[in-house]
Amino acid sequence: MNPQDITQAPLAAAAPVTVAATESFRAEFRQAVPADYNGIRHGLTILGIGLLGIAAALACLRAPVQAWEWAVALPVVLIWNWLEWLGHRALHTPGRGALARALYTRHTLTHHRFFTRQAGALRDSRDLKIVFFPWFAILVLAAMALPAVLLIGLLVSVNAAAVAFAAWVGIYLVFEFMHLCAHLPEGAWLARVPGIAAMRRHHLAHHDPRLMMQANMNFTLPLADWLAGTRQP
Protein backbone atom coordinates (compact mmCIF):
# COMPACT_ATOMS: atom_id res chain seq x y z
CA MET A 1 0.00 0.00 0.00
CA ASN A 2 1.25 3.51 -0.84
CA PRO A 3 1.01 6.10 1.98
CA GLN A 4 -1.00 8.36 -0.31
CA ASP A 5 -3.62 5.69 -0.79
CA ILE A 6 -4.86 6.02 2.78
CA THR A 7 -5.62 9.75 2.56
CA GLN A 8 -8.54 9.79 0.19
CA ALA A 9 -11.36 9.81 2.76
CA PRO A 10 -12.88 13.17 3.81
CA LEU A 11 -10.70 15.35 6.03
CA ALA A 12 -10.84 14.27 9.64
CA ALA A 13 -11.29 17.90 10.70
CA ALA A 14 -14.79 17.79 9.24
CA ALA A 15 -15.87 15.51 12.08
CA PRO A 16 -14.90 15.13 15.74
CA VAL A 17 -11.42 13.62 15.99
CA THR A 18 -11.30 10.63 18.31
CA VAL A 19 -8.25 8.94 19.77
CA ALA A 20 -9.34 5.69 18.14
CA ALA A 21 -9.60 7.32 14.71
CA THR A 22 -6.17 8.91 15.06
CA GLU A 23 -4.54 5.67 16.16
CA SER A 24 -6.24 3.74 13.38
CA PHE A 25 -4.96 6.21 10.78
CA ARG A 26 -1.48 6.13 12.28
CA ALA A 27 -1.40 2.33 12.16
CA GLU A 28 -2.39 2.34 8.49
CA PHE A 29 0.17 4.98 7.61
CA ARG A 30 2.98 3.24 9.47
CA GLN A 31 2.18 -0.03 7.76
CA ALA A 32 2.45 1.72 4.40
CA VAL A 33 5.88 3.27 5.07
CA PRO A 34 8.54 1.35 3.08
CA ALA A 35 10.48 -1.14 5.17
CA ASP A 36 13.81 0.40 4.16
CA TYR A 37 12.83 3.93 5.23
CA ASN A 38 15.25 5.43 7.75
CA GLY A 39 14.12 8.66 9.39
CA ILE A 40 17.56 9.54 10.73
CA ARG A 41 19.05 9.16 7.25
CA HIS A 42 16.21 11.30 5.88
CA GLY A 43 16.96 14.13 8.29
CA LEU A 44 20.73 13.90 7.84
CA THR A 45 20.33 13.99 4.06
CA ILE A 46 18.39 17.25 4.27
CA LEU A 47 20.93 18.66 6.72
CA GLY A 48 23.87 17.58 4.58
CA ILE A 49 22.46 19.13 1.41
CA GLY A 50 21.68 22.32 3.28
CA LEU A 51 25.13 22.63 4.85
CA LEU A 52 26.78 21.99 1.48
CA GLY A 53 24.64 24.73 -0.06
CA ILE A 54 25.53 27.18 2.70
CA ALA A 55 29.23 26.29 2.44
CA ALA A 56 29.18 26.76 -1.34
CA ALA A 57 27.53 30.16 -0.97
CA LEU A 58 29.96 31.35 1.70
CA ALA A 59 32.89 30.15 -0.42
CA CYS A 60 31.86 32.78 -2.97
CA LEU A 61 32.40 35.63 -0.52
CA ARG A 62 35.06 38.14 -1.46
CA ALA A 63 36.94 39.80 1.38
CA PRO A 64 36.35 42.20 2.90
CA VAL A 65 32.66 41.52 3.48
CA GLN A 66 30.85 44.70 4.50
CA ALA A 67 28.50 44.75 7.50
CA TRP A 68 25.57 45.72 5.29
CA GLU A 69 26.25 42.68 3.10
CA TRP A 70 25.96 40.38 6.11
CA ALA A 71 22.76 42.25 7.01
CA VAL A 72 21.15 41.05 3.77
CA ALA A 73 20.32 37.89 5.73
CA LEU A 74 17.68 39.78 7.74
CA PRO A 75 15.30 40.69 4.87
CA VAL A 76 15.72 37.16 3.51
CA VAL A 77 14.56 35.72 6.84
CA LEU A 78 11.64 38.17 6.96
CA ILE A 79 10.61 37.30 3.40
CA TRP A 80 10.79 33.61 4.31
CA ASN A 81 8.57 34.23 7.32
CA TRP A 82 5.81 35.67 5.14
CA LEU A 83 6.21 33.00 2.46
CA GLU A 84 6.11 30.34 5.18
CA TRP A 85 2.81 31.80 6.39
CA LEU A 86 1.34 32.11 2.89
CA GLY A 87 2.54 28.70 1.76
CA HIS A 88 1.28 26.93 4.86
CA ARG A 89 -2.12 28.55 4.54
CA ALA A 90 -2.29 27.52 0.89
CA LEU A 91 -1.61 23.89 1.82
CA HIS A 92 -5.01 23.77 3.51
CA THR A 93 -6.88 24.17 0.22
CA PRO A 94 -6.81 21.57 -2.59
CA GLY A 95 -5.71 24.02 -5.27
CA ARG A 96 -5.45 23.27 -8.96
CA GLY A 97 -3.09 20.92 -10.68
CA ALA A 98 -1.46 17.66 -9.68
CA LEU A 99 1.27 19.26 -7.56
CA ALA A 100 -1.16 21.39 -5.53
CA ARG A 101 -3.39 18.37 -4.91
CA ALA A 102 -0.41 16.22 -3.90
CA LEU A 103 0.78 18.86 -1.41
CA TYR A 104 -2.74 19.22 0.00
CA THR A 105 -3.04 15.45 0.37
CA ARG A 106 0.32 15.13 2.04
CA HIS A 107 -0.17 18.02 4.45
CA THR A 108 -3.85 18.41 5.24
CA LEU A 109 -5.20 14.93 4.61
CA THR A 110 -2.20 13.06 6.02
CA HIS A 111 -0.04 15.13 8.38
CA HIS A 112 -3.06 16.66 10.12
CA ARG A 113 -4.63 13.25 10.63
CA PHE A 114 -1.46 11.70 11.91
CA PHE A 115 -0.82 14.49 14.43
CA THR A 116 -3.50 16.22 16.49
CA ARG A 117 -3.18 18.79 19.25
CA GLN A 118 -3.62 16.09 21.89
CA ALA A 119 -1.53 13.47 20.07
CA GLY A 120 1.18 15.56 18.45
CA ALA A 121 4.29 13.51 19.21
CA LEU A 122 6.04 11.05 16.94
CA ARG A 123 6.57 7.51 18.25
CA ASP A 124 9.96 6.79 16.73
CA SER A 125 12.26 7.82 13.89
CA ARG A 126 10.11 6.09 11.25
CA ASP A 127 7.40 8.66 11.96
CA LEU A 128 9.78 11.27 10.52
CA LYS A 129 8.34 10.20 7.16
CA ILE A 130 5.37 12.45 7.93
CA VAL A 131 7.38 15.21 9.64
CA PHE A 132 10.13 16.08 7.16
CA PHE A 133 9.52 17.19 3.60
CA PRO A 134 11.03 14.91 0.93
CA TRP A 135 14.82 15.32 0.79
CA PHE A 136 14.68 16.98 -2.62
CA ALA A 137 12.42 19.81 -1.42
CA ILE A 138 15.48 21.77 -0.29
CA LEU A 139 16.90 21.51 -3.82
CA VAL A 140 13.65 22.79 -5.31
CA LEU A 141 13.53 25.74 -2.92
CA ALA A 142 17.18 26.55 -3.59
CA ALA A 143 16.54 26.49 -7.33
CA MET A 144 13.52 28.77 -6.90
CA ALA A 145 15.73 31.30 -5.11
CA LEU A 146 18.48 31.32 -7.73
CA PRO A 147 16.94 33.95 -10.07
CA ALA A 148 16.60 36.42 -7.19
CA VAL A 149 20.09 35.57 -5.94
CA LEU A 150 21.61 36.14 -9.39
CA LEU A 151 19.77 39.45 -9.66
CA ILE A 152 21.16 40.53 -6.28
CA GLY A 153 24.61 39.58 -7.52
CA LEU A 154 24.21 41.72 -10.63
CA LEU A 155 22.56 44.74 -9.03
CA VAL A 156 24.07 44.77 -5.54
CA SER A 157 27.16 42.62 -4.99
CA VAL A 158 28.42 39.07 -5.15
CA ASN A 159 28.77 39.06 -1.37
CA ALA A 160 25.17 40.16 -0.86
CA ALA A 161 24.02 37.40 -3.22
CA ALA A 162 26.08 34.77 -1.39
CA VAL A 163 24.74 35.85 1.99
CA ALA A 164 21.17 35.86 0.65
CA PHE A 165 21.48 32.31 -0.67
CA ALA A 166 23.11 31.05 2.52
CA ALA A 167 20.36 32.67 4.60
CA TRP A 168 17.64 31.18 2.39
CA VAL A 169 19.01 27.66 2.72
CA GLY A 170 19.74 28.19 6.39
CA ILE A 171 16.23 29.33 7.27
CA TYR A 172 14.84 26.25 5.49
CA LEU A 173 16.98 24.09 7.77
CA VAL A 174 15.64 26.04 10.75
CA PHE A 175 12.11 25.41 9.47
CA GLU A 176 12.67 21.65 9.29
CA PHE A 177 14.33 21.67 12.72
CA MET A 178 11.53 23.63 14.38
CA HIS A 179 8.89 21.39 12.82
CA LEU A 180 10.76 18.35 14.12
CA CYS A 181 10.92 19.88 17.61
CA ALA A 182 7.17 20.56 17.50
CA HIS A 183 6.49 16.84 17.11
CA LEU A 184 9.07 15.46 19.54
CA PRO A 185 7.79 13.54 22.57
CA GLU A 186 6.78 15.72 25.51
CA GLY A 187 9.76 14.64 27.61
CA ALA A 188 12.42 15.42 24.99
CA TRP A 189 14.90 18.00 26.28
CA LEU A 190 14.73 20.01 23.05
CA ALA A 191 10.97 20.38 23.51
CA ARG A 192 11.62 22.19 26.79
CA VAL A 193 14.17 24.73 25.51
CA PRO A 194 12.73 28.28 25.81
CA GLY A 195 11.74 29.59 22.40
CA ILE A 196 11.53 26.10 20.94
CA ALA A 197 8.94 25.18 23.59
CA ALA A 198 6.91 28.28 22.70
CA MET A 199 6.93 27.48 18.99
CA ARG A 200 6.06 23.86 19.80
CA ARG A 201 2.92 25.02 21.62
CA HIS A 202 2.21 27.41 18.75
CA HIS A 203 2.36 24.64 16.17
CA LEU A 204 0.48 22.02 18.18
CA ALA A 205 -2.35 24.52 18.64
CA HIS A 206 -2.46 24.70 14.84
CA HIS A 207 -3.18 20.97 14.85
CA ASP A 208 -6.49 21.64 16.59
CA PRO A 209 -9.08 21.02 13.83
CA ARG A 210 -10.93 24.15 14.94
CA LEU A 211 -7.85 26.31 14.31
CA MET A 212 -5.86 24.60 11.59
CA MET A 213 -7.52 26.31 8.63
CA GLN A 214 -6.87 29.86 9.80
CA ALA A 215 -4.43 30.09 12.72
CA ASN A 216 -0.76 29.61 13.66
CA MET A 217 0.71 29.19 10.19
CA ASN A 218 4.29 30.05 11.13
CA PHE A 219 6.87 27.43 12.11
CA THR A 220 10.09 29.39 12.67
CA LEU A 221 8.86 32.59 14.34
CA PRO A 222 5.22 33.72 14.70
CA LEU A 223 5.91 37.14 13.18
CA ALA A 224 3.58 36.87 10.17
CA ASP A 225 0.91 35.28 12.39
CA TRP A 226 1.18 38.25 14.73
CA LEU A 227 1.03 40.82 11.91
CA ALA A 228 -1.87 39.03 10.18
CA GLY A 229 -3.81 38.54 13.41
CA THR A 230 -3.78 34.75 13.07
CA ARG A 231 -1.79 33.93 16.19
CA GLN A 232 -3.74 31.83 18.69
CA PRO A 233 -2.57 30.51 22.09
C-alpha atoms as a PDB file:
ATOM      1  CA  MET A   1       0.000   0.000   0.000  1.00  0.00           C
ATOM      2  CA  ASN A   2       1.248   3.506  -0.841  1.00  0.00           C
ATOM      3  CA  PRO A   3       1.014   6.104   1.979  1.00  0.00           C
ATOM      4  CA  GLN A   4      -1.002   8.360  -0.311  1.00  0.00           C
ATOM      5  CA  ASP A   5      -3.622   5.685  -0.795  1.00  0.00           C
ATOM      6  CA  ILE A   6      -4.865   6.020   2.778  1.00  0.00           C
ATOM      7  CA  THR A   7      -5.625   9.749   2.557  1.00  0.00           C
ATOM      8  CA  GLN A   8      -8.543   9.791   0.185  1.00  0.00           C
ATOM      9  CA  ALA A   9     -11.358   9.813   2.760  1.00  0.00           C
ATOM     10  CA  PRO A  10     -12.878  13.172   3.808  1.00  0.00           C
ATOM     11  CA  LEU A  11     -10.704  15.348   6.026  1.00  0.00           C
ATOM     12  CA  ALA A  12     -10.843  14.272   9.643  1.00  0.00           C
ATOM     13  CA  ALA A  13     -11.290  17.899  10.703  1.00  0.00           C
ATOM     14  CA  ALA A  14     -14.795  17.791   9.244  1.00  0.00           C
ATOM     15  CA  ALA A  15     -15.874  15.509  12.076  1.00  0.00           C
ATOM     16  CA  PRO A  16     -14.903  15.127  15.737  1.00  0.00           C
ATOM     17  CA  VAL A  17     -11.423  13.624  15.994  1.00  0.00           C
ATOM     18  CA  THR A  18     -11.298  10.632  18.314  1.00  0.00           C
ATOM     19  CA  VAL A  19      -8.247   8.937  19.771  1.00  0.00           C
ATOM     20  CA  ALA A  20      -9.338   5.689  18.137  1.00  0.00           C
ATOM     21  CA  ALA A  21      -9.605   7.325  14.706  1.00  0.00           C
ATOM     22  CA  THR A  22      -6.169   8.911  15.058  1.00  0.00           C
ATOM     23  CA  GLU A  23      -4.537   5.673  16.163  1.00  0.00           C
ATOM     24  CA  SER A  24      -6.239   3.744  13.377  1.00  0.00           C
ATOM     25  CA  PHE A  25      -4.956   6.206  10.785  1.00  0.00           C
ATOM     26  CA  ARG A  26      -1.480   6.128  12.282  1.00  0.00           C
ATOM     27  CA  ALA A  27      -1.404   2.332  12.165  1.00  0.00           C
ATOM     28  CA  GLU A  28      -2.392   2.341   8.491  1.00  0.00           C
ATOM     29  CA  PHE A  29       0.171   4.983   7.605  1.00  0.00           C
ATOM     30  CA  ARG A  30       2.976   3.237   9.473  1.00  0.00           C
ATOM     31  CA  GLN A  31       2.180  -0.034   7.756  1.00  0.00           C
ATOM     32  CA  ALA A  32       2.450   1.724   4.396  1.00  0.00           C
ATOM     33  CA  VAL A  33       5.876   3.270   5.066  1.00  0.00           C
ATOM     34  CA  PRO A  34       8.538   1.352   3.079  1.00  0.00           C
ATOM     35  CA  ALA A  35      10.484  -1.144   5.166  1.00  0.00           C
ATOM     36  CA  ASP A  36      13.815   0.402   4.163  1.00  0.00           C
ATOM     37  CA  TYR A  37      12.826   3.932   5.234  1.00  0.00           C
ATOM     38  CA  ASN A  38      15.245   5.430   7.749  1.00  0.00           C
ATOM     39  CA  GLY A  39      14.115   8.659   9.388  1.00  0.00           C
ATOM     40  CA  ILE A  40      17.563   9.539  10.730  1.00  0.00           C
ATOM     41  CA  ARG A  41      19.046   9.156   7.255  1.00  0.00           C
ATOM     42  CA  HIS A  42      16.209  11.300   5.883  1.00  0.00           C
ATOM     43  CA  GLY A  43      16.960  14.131   8.289  1.00  0.00           C
ATOM     44  CA  LEU A  44      20.734  13.904   7.843  1.00  0.00           C
ATOM     45  CA  THR A  45      20.332  13.989   4.058  1.00  0.00           C
ATOM     46  CA  ILE A  46      18.394  17.250   4.271  1.00  0.00           C
ATOM     47  CA  LEU A  47      20.934  18.662   6.725  1.00  0.00           C
ATOM     48  CA  GLY A  48      23.872  17.577   4.580  1.00  0.00           C
ATOM     49  CA  ILE A  49      22.460  19.132   1.409  1.00  0.00           C
ATOM     50  CA  GLY A  50      21.679  22.323   3.285  1.00  0.00           C
ATOM     51  CA  LEU A  51      25.125  22.628   4.848  1.00  0.00           C
ATOM     52  CA  LEU A  52      26.776  21.989   1.478  1.00  0.00           C
ATOM     53  CA  GLY A  53      24.635  24.732  -0.058  1.00  0.00           C
ATOM     54  CA  ILE A  54      25.532  27.180   2.700  1.00  0.00           C
ATOM     55  CA  ALA A  55      29.228  26.293   2.435  1.00  0.00           C
ATOM     56  CA  ALA A  56      29.179  26.756  -1.341  1.00  0.00           C
ATOM     57  CA  ALA A  57      27.534  30.160  -0.971  1.00  0.00           C
ATOM     58  CA  LEU A  58      29.957  31.350   1.696  1.00  0.00           C
ATOM     59  CA  ALA A  59      32.888  30.149  -0.419  1.00  0.00           C
ATOM     60  CA  CYS A  60      31.856  32.775  -2.974  1.00  0.00           C
ATOM     61  CA  LEU A  61      32.396  35.633  -0.523  1.00  0.00           C
ATOM     62  CA  ARG A  62      35.064  38.140  -1.457  1.00  0.00           C
ATOM     63  CA  ALA A  63      36.941  39.802   1.381  1.00  0.00           C
ATOM     64  CA  PRO A  64      36.353  42.201   2.900  1.00  0.00           C
ATOM     65  CA  VAL A  65      32.656  41.522   3.477  1.00  0.00           C
ATOM     66  CA  GLN A  66      30.852  44.702   4.497  1.00  0.00           C
ATOM     67  CA  ALA A  67      28.502  44.746   7.496  1.00  0.00           C
ATOM     68  CA  TRP A  68      25.573  45.724   5.288  1.00  0.00           C
ATOM     69  CA  GLU A  69      26.252  42.684   3.097  1.00  0.00           C
ATOM     70  CA  TRP A  70      25.956  40.379   6.106  1.00  0.00           C
ATOM     71  CA  ALA A  71      22.764  42.254   7.015  1.00  0.00           C
ATOM     72  CA  VAL A  72      21.148  41.045   3.769  1.00  0.00           C
ATOM     73  CA  ALA A  73      20.317  37.888   5.729  1.00  0.00           C
ATOM     74  CA  LEU A  74      17.683  39.781   7.742  1.00  0.00           C
ATOM     75  CA  PRO A  75      15.305  40.689   4.873  1.00  0.00           C
ATOM     76  CA  VAL A  76      15.722  37.158   3.515  1.00  0.00           C
ATOM     77  CA  VAL A  77      14.561  35.722   6.836  1.00  0.00           C
ATOM     78  CA  LEU A  78      11.639  38.171   6.964  1.00  0.00           C
ATOM     79  CA  ILE A  79      10.612  37.303   3.403  1.00  0.00           C
ATOM     80  CA  TRP A  80      10.791  33.609   4.308  1.00  0.00           C
ATOM     81  CA  ASN A  81       8.567  34.227   7.321  1.00  0.00           C
ATOM     82  CA  TRP A  82       5.812  35.673   5.143  1.00  0.00           C
ATOM     83  CA  LEU A  83       6.213  33.001   2.460  1.00  0.00           C
ATOM     84  CA  GLU A  84       6.111  30.340   5.177  1.00  0.00           C
ATOM     85  CA  TRP A  85       2.809  31.796   6.392  1.00  0.00           C
ATOM     86  CA  LEU A  86       1.339  32.110   2.889  1.00  0.00           C
ATOM     87  CA  GLY A  87       2.536  28.702   1.756  1.00  0.00           C
ATOM     88  CA  HIS A  88       1.281  26.928   4.858  1.00  0.00           C
ATOM     89  CA  ARG A  89      -2.119  28.549   4.545  1.00  0.00           C
ATOM     90  CA  ALA A  90      -2.292  27.524   0.886  1.00  0.00           C
ATOM     91  CA  LEU A  91      -1.613  23.891   1.816  1.00  0.00           C
ATOM     92  CA  HIS A  92      -5.008  23.773   3.510  1.00  0.00           C
ATOM     93  CA  THR A  93      -6.882  24.170   0.216  1.00  0.00           C
ATOM     94  CA  PRO A  94      -6.813  21.567  -2.586  1.00  0.00           C
ATOM     95  CA  GLY A  95      -5.708  24.023  -5.275  1.00  0.00           C
ATOM     96  CA  ARG A  96      -5.450  23.274  -8.963  1.00  0.00           C
ATOM     97  CA  GLY A  97      -3.090  20.918 -10.680  1.00  0.00           C
ATOM     98  CA  ALA A  98      -1.460  17.656  -9.678  1.00  0.00           C
ATOM     99  CA  LEU A  99       1.274  19.263  -7.557  1.00  0.00           C
ATOM    100  CA  ALA A 100      -1.157  21.389  -5.535  1.00  0.00           C
ATOM    101  CA  ARG A 101      -3.386  18.369  -4.906  1.00  0.00           C
ATOM    102  CA  ALA A 102      -0.406  16.223  -3.903  1.00  0.00           C
ATOM    103  CA  LEU A 103       0.776  18.857  -1.411  1.00  0.00           C
ATOM    104  CA  TYR A 104      -2.737  19.217   0.000  1.00  0.00           C
ATOM    105  CA  THR A 105      -3.043  15.447   0.366  1.00  0.00           C
ATOM    106  CA  ARG A 106       0.324  15.128   2.040  1.00  0.00           C
ATOM    107  CA  HIS A 107      -0.171  18.019   4.446  1.00  0.00           C
ATOM    108  CA  THR A 108      -3.852  18.413   5.239  1.00  0.00           C
ATOM    109  CA  LEU A 109      -5.200  14.925   4.610  1.00  0.00           C
ATOM    110  CA  THR A 110      -2.202  13.061   6.018  1.00  0.00           C
ATOM    111  CA  HIS A 111      -0.041  15.134   8.375  1.00  0.00           C
ATOM    112  CA  HIS A 112      -3.058  16.661  10.119  1.00  0.00           C
ATOM    113  CA  ARG A 113      -4.629  13.252  10.629  1.00  0.00           C
ATOM    114  CA  PHE A 114      -1.458  11.701  11.911  1.00  0.00           C
ATOM    115  CA  PHE A 115      -0.819  14.493  14.426  1.00  0.00           C
ATOM    116  CA  THR A 116      -3.504  16.221  16.489  1.00  0.00           C
ATOM    117  CA  ARG A 117      -3.179  18.790  19.251  1.00  0.00           C
ATOM    118  CA  GLN A 118      -3.621  16.089  21.890  1.00  0.00           C
ATOM    119  CA  ALA A 119      -1.529  13.468  20.072  1.00  0.00           C
ATOM    120  CA  GLY A 120       1.181  15.558  18.455  1.00  0.00           C
ATOM    121  CA  ALA A 121       4.285  13.506  19.210  1.00  0.00           C
ATOM    122  CA  LEU A 122       6.037  11.053  16.936  1.00  0.00           C
ATOM    123  CA  ARG A 123       6.568   7.514  18.248  1.00  0.00           C
ATOM    124  CA  ASP A 124       9.964   6.785  16.732  1.00  0.00           C
ATOM    125  CA  SER A 125      12.255   7.822  13.885  1.00  0.00           C
ATOM    126  CA  ARG A 126      10.106   6.091  11.254  1.00  0.00           C
ATOM    127  CA  ASP A 127       7.402   8.664  11.960  1.00  0.00           C
ATOM    128  CA  LEU A 128       9.780  11.269  10.518  1.00  0.00           C
ATOM    129  CA  LYS A 129       8.343  10.203   7.162  1.00  0.00           C
ATOM    130  CA  ILE A 130       5.368  12.447   7.927  1.00  0.00           C
ATOM    131  CA  VAL A 131       7.381  15.213   9.637  1.00  0.00           C
ATOM    132  CA  PHE A 132      10.126  16.077   7.156  1.00  0.00           C
ATOM    133  CA  PHE A 133       9.516  17.186   3.602  1.00  0.00           C
ATOM    134  CA  PRO A 134      11.033  14.911   0.932  1.00  0.00           C
ATOM    135  CA  TRP A 135      14.825  15.321   0.794  1.00  0.00           C
ATOM    136  CA  PHE A 136      14.682  16.979  -2.620  1.00  0.00           C
ATOM    137  CA  ALA A 137      12.425  19.805  -1.417  1.00  0.00           C
ATOM    138  CA  ILE A 138      15.480  21.769  -0.291  1.00  0.00           C
ATOM    139  CA  LEU A 139      16.904  21.513  -3.825  1.00  0.00           C
ATOM    140  CA  VAL A 140      13.646  22.788  -5.310  1.00  0.00           C
ATOM    141  CA  LEU A 141      13.527  25.738  -2.915  1.00  0.00           C
ATOM    142  CA  ALA A 142      17.180  26.546  -3.588  1.00  0.00           C
ATOM    143  CA  ALA A 143      16.543  26.490  -7.335  1.00  0.00           C
ATOM    144  CA  MET A 144      13.523  28.767  -6.903  1.00  0.00           C
ATOM    145  CA  ALA A 145      15.730  31.299  -5.105  1.00  0.00           C
ATOM    146  CA  LEU A 146      18.478  31.323  -7.733  1.00  0.00           C
ATOM    147  CA  PRO A 147      16.941  33.954 -10.070  1.00  0.00           C
ATOM    148  CA  ALA A 148      16.596  36.421  -7.186  1.00  0.00           C
ATOM    149  CA  VAL A 149      20.094  35.567  -5.944  1.00  0.00           C
ATOM    150  CA  LEU A 150      21.608  36.142  -9.391  1.00  0.00           C
ATOM    151  CA  LEU A 151      19.768  39.454  -9.658  1.00  0.00           C
ATOM    152  CA  ILE A 152      21.159  40.531  -6.284  1.00  0.00           C
ATOM    153  CA  GLY A 153      24.614  39.576  -7.515  1.00  0.00           C
ATOM    154  CA  LEU A 154      24.214  41.716 -10.631  1.00  0.00           C
ATOM    155  CA  LEU A 155      22.558  44.740  -9.033  1.00  0.00           C
ATOM    156  CA  VAL A 156      24.073  44.771  -5.538  1.00  0.00           C
ATOM    157  CA  SER A 157      27.161  42.624  -4.992  1.00  0.00           C
ATOM    158  CA  VAL A 158      28.418  39.066  -5.151  1.00  0.00           C
ATOM    159  CA  ASN A 159      28.768  39.060  -1.375  1.00  0.00           C
ATOM    160  CA  ALA A 160      25.168  40.155  -0.864  1.00  0.00           C
ATOM    161  CA  ALA A 161      24.015  37.397  -3.219  1.00  0.00           C
ATOM    162  CA  ALA A 162      26.082  34.772  -1.392  1.00  0.00           C
ATOM    163  CA  VAL A 163      24.738  35.851   1.994  1.00  0.00           C
ATOM    164  CA  ALA A 164      21.169  35.864   0.651  1.00  0.00           C
ATOM    165  CA  PHE A 165      21.483  32.311  -0.674  1.00  0.00           C
ATOM    166  CA  ALA A 166      23.113  31.046   2.519  1.00  0.00           C
ATOM    167  CA  ALA A 167      20.359  32.672   4.596  1.00  0.00           C
ATOM    168  CA  TRP A 168      17.643  31.177   2.390  1.00  0.00           C
ATOM    169  CA  VAL A 169      19.005  27.657   2.718  1.00  0.00           C
ATOM    170  CA  GLY A 170      19.739  28.185   6.395  1.00  0.00           C
ATOM    171  CA  ILE A 171      16.232  29.325   7.271  1.00  0.00           C
ATOM    172  CA  TYR A 172      14.840  26.252   5.495  1.00  0.00           C
ATOM    173  CA  LEU A 173      16.977  24.086   7.771  1.00  0.00           C
ATOM    174  CA  VAL A 174      15.643  26.037  10.752  1.00  0.00           C
ATOM    175  CA  PHE A 175      12.108  25.406   9.471  1.00  0.00           C
ATOM    176  CA  GLU A 176      12.673  21.649   9.292  1.00  0.00           C
ATOM    177  CA  PHE A 177      14.328  21.667  12.721  1.00  0.00           C
ATOM    178  CA  MET A 178      11.525  23.632  14.377  1.00  0.00           C
ATOM    179  CA  HIS A 179       8.888  21.395  12.821  1.00  0.00           C
ATOM    180  CA  LEU A 180      10.756  18.353  14.115  1.00  0.00           C
ATOM    181  CA  CYS A 181      10.919  19.885  17.607  1.00  0.00           C
ATOM    182  CA  ALA A 182       7.173  20.557  17.502  1.00  0.00           C
ATOM    183  CA  HIS A 183       6.492  16.845  17.112  1.00  0.00           C
ATOM    184  CA  LEU A 184       9.070  15.458  19.536  1.00  0.00           C
ATOM    185  CA  PRO A 185       7.789  13.536  22.574  1.00  0.00           C
ATOM    186  CA  GLU A 186       6.781  15.719  25.508  1.00  0.00           C
ATOM    187  CA  GLY A 187       9.755  14.639  27.605  1.00  0.00           C
ATOM    188  CA  ALA A 188      12.416  15.424  24.993  1.00  0.00           C
ATOM    189  CA  TRP A 189      14.897  17.999  26.275  1.00  0.00           C
ATOM    190  CA  LEU A 190      14.728  20.010  23.045  1.00  0.00           C
ATOM    191  CA  ALA A 191      10.972  20.377  23.510  1.00  0.00           C
ATOM    192  CA  ARG A 192      11.622  22.192  26.789  1.00  0.00           C
ATOM    193  CA  VAL A 193      14.167  24.733  25.507  1.00  0.00           C
ATOM    194  CA  PRO A 194      12.732  28.280  25.810  1.00  0.00           C
ATOM    195  CA  GLY A 195      11.743  29.591  22.403  1.00  0.00           C
ATOM    196  CA  ILE A 196      11.528  26.101  20.941  1.00  0.00           C
ATOM    197  CA  ALA A 197       8.943  25.181  23.586  1.00  0.00           C
ATOM    198  CA  ALA A 198       6.906  28.283  22.704  1.00  0.00           C
ATOM    199  CA  MET A 199       6.930  27.476  18.988  1.00  0.00           C
ATOM    200  CA  ARG A 200       6.062  23.863  19.804  1.00  0.00           C
ATOM    201  CA  ARG A 201       2.919  25.022  21.618  1.00  0.00           C
ATOM    202  CA  HIS A 202       2.208  27.412  18.747  1.00  0.00           C
ATOM    203  CA  HIS A 203       2.364  24.638  16.166  1.00  0.00           C
ATOM    204  CA  LEU A 204       0.484  22.017  18.175  1.00  0.00           C
ATOM    205  CA  ALA A 205      -2.350  24.521  18.640  1.00  0.00           C
ATOM    206  CA  HIS A 206      -2.461  24.704  14.837  1.00  0.00           C
ATOM    207  CA  HIS A 207      -3.185  20.968  14.845  1.00  0.00           C
ATOM    208  CA  ASP A 208      -6.493  21.639  16.593  1.00  0.00           C
ATOM    209  CA  PRO A 209      -9.084  21.017  13.825  1.00  0.00           C
ATOM    210  CA  ARG A 210     -10.931  24.152  14.943  1.00  0.00           C
ATOM    211  CA  LEU A 211      -7.849  26.314  14.314  1.00  0.00           C
ATOM    212  CA  MET A 212      -5.862  24.598  11.591  1.00  0.00           C
ATOM    213  CA  MET A 213      -7.516  26.309   8.629  1.00  0.00           C
ATOM    214  CA  GLN A 214      -6.873  29.856   9.799  1.00  0.00           C
ATOM    215  CA  ALA A 215      -4.430  30.086  12.716  1.00  0.00           C
ATOM    216  CA  ASN A 216      -0.762  29.612  13.656  1.00  0.00           C
ATOM    217  CA  MET A 217       0.712  29.193  10.186  1.00  0.00           C
ATOM    218  CA  ASN A 218       4.290  30.050  11.129  1.00  0.00           C
ATOM    219  CA  PHE A 219       6.873  27.431  12.110  1.00  0.00           C
ATOM    220  CA  THR A 220      10.087  29.388  12.670  1.00  0.00           C
ATOM    221  CA  LEU A 221       8.864  32.589  14.340  1.00  0.00           C
ATOM    222  CA  PRO A 222       5.215  33.723  14.702  1.00  0.00           C
ATOM    223  CA  LEU A 223       5.908  37.145  13.178  1.00  0.00           C
ATOM    224  CA  ALA A 224       3.583  36.866  10.173  1.00  0.00           C
ATOM    225  CA  ASP A 225       0.911  35.280  12.385  1.00  0.00           C
ATOM    226  CA  TRP A 226       1.183  38.254  14.728  1.00  0.00           C
ATOM    227  CA  LEU A 227       1.032  40.818  11.906  1.00  0.00           C
ATOM    228  CA  ALA A 228      -1.866  39.034  10.180  1.00  0.00           C
ATOM    229  CA  GLY A 229      -3.814  38.542  13.412  1.00  0.00           C
ATOM    230  CA  THR A 230      -3.784  34.751  13.068  1.00  0.00           C
ATOM    231  CA  ARG A 231      -1.790  33.928  16.193  1.00  0.00           C
ATOM    232  CA  GLN A 232      -3.736  31.830  18.687  1.00  0.00           C
ATOM    233  CA  PRO A 233      -2.570  30.506  22.087  1.00  0.00           C
END
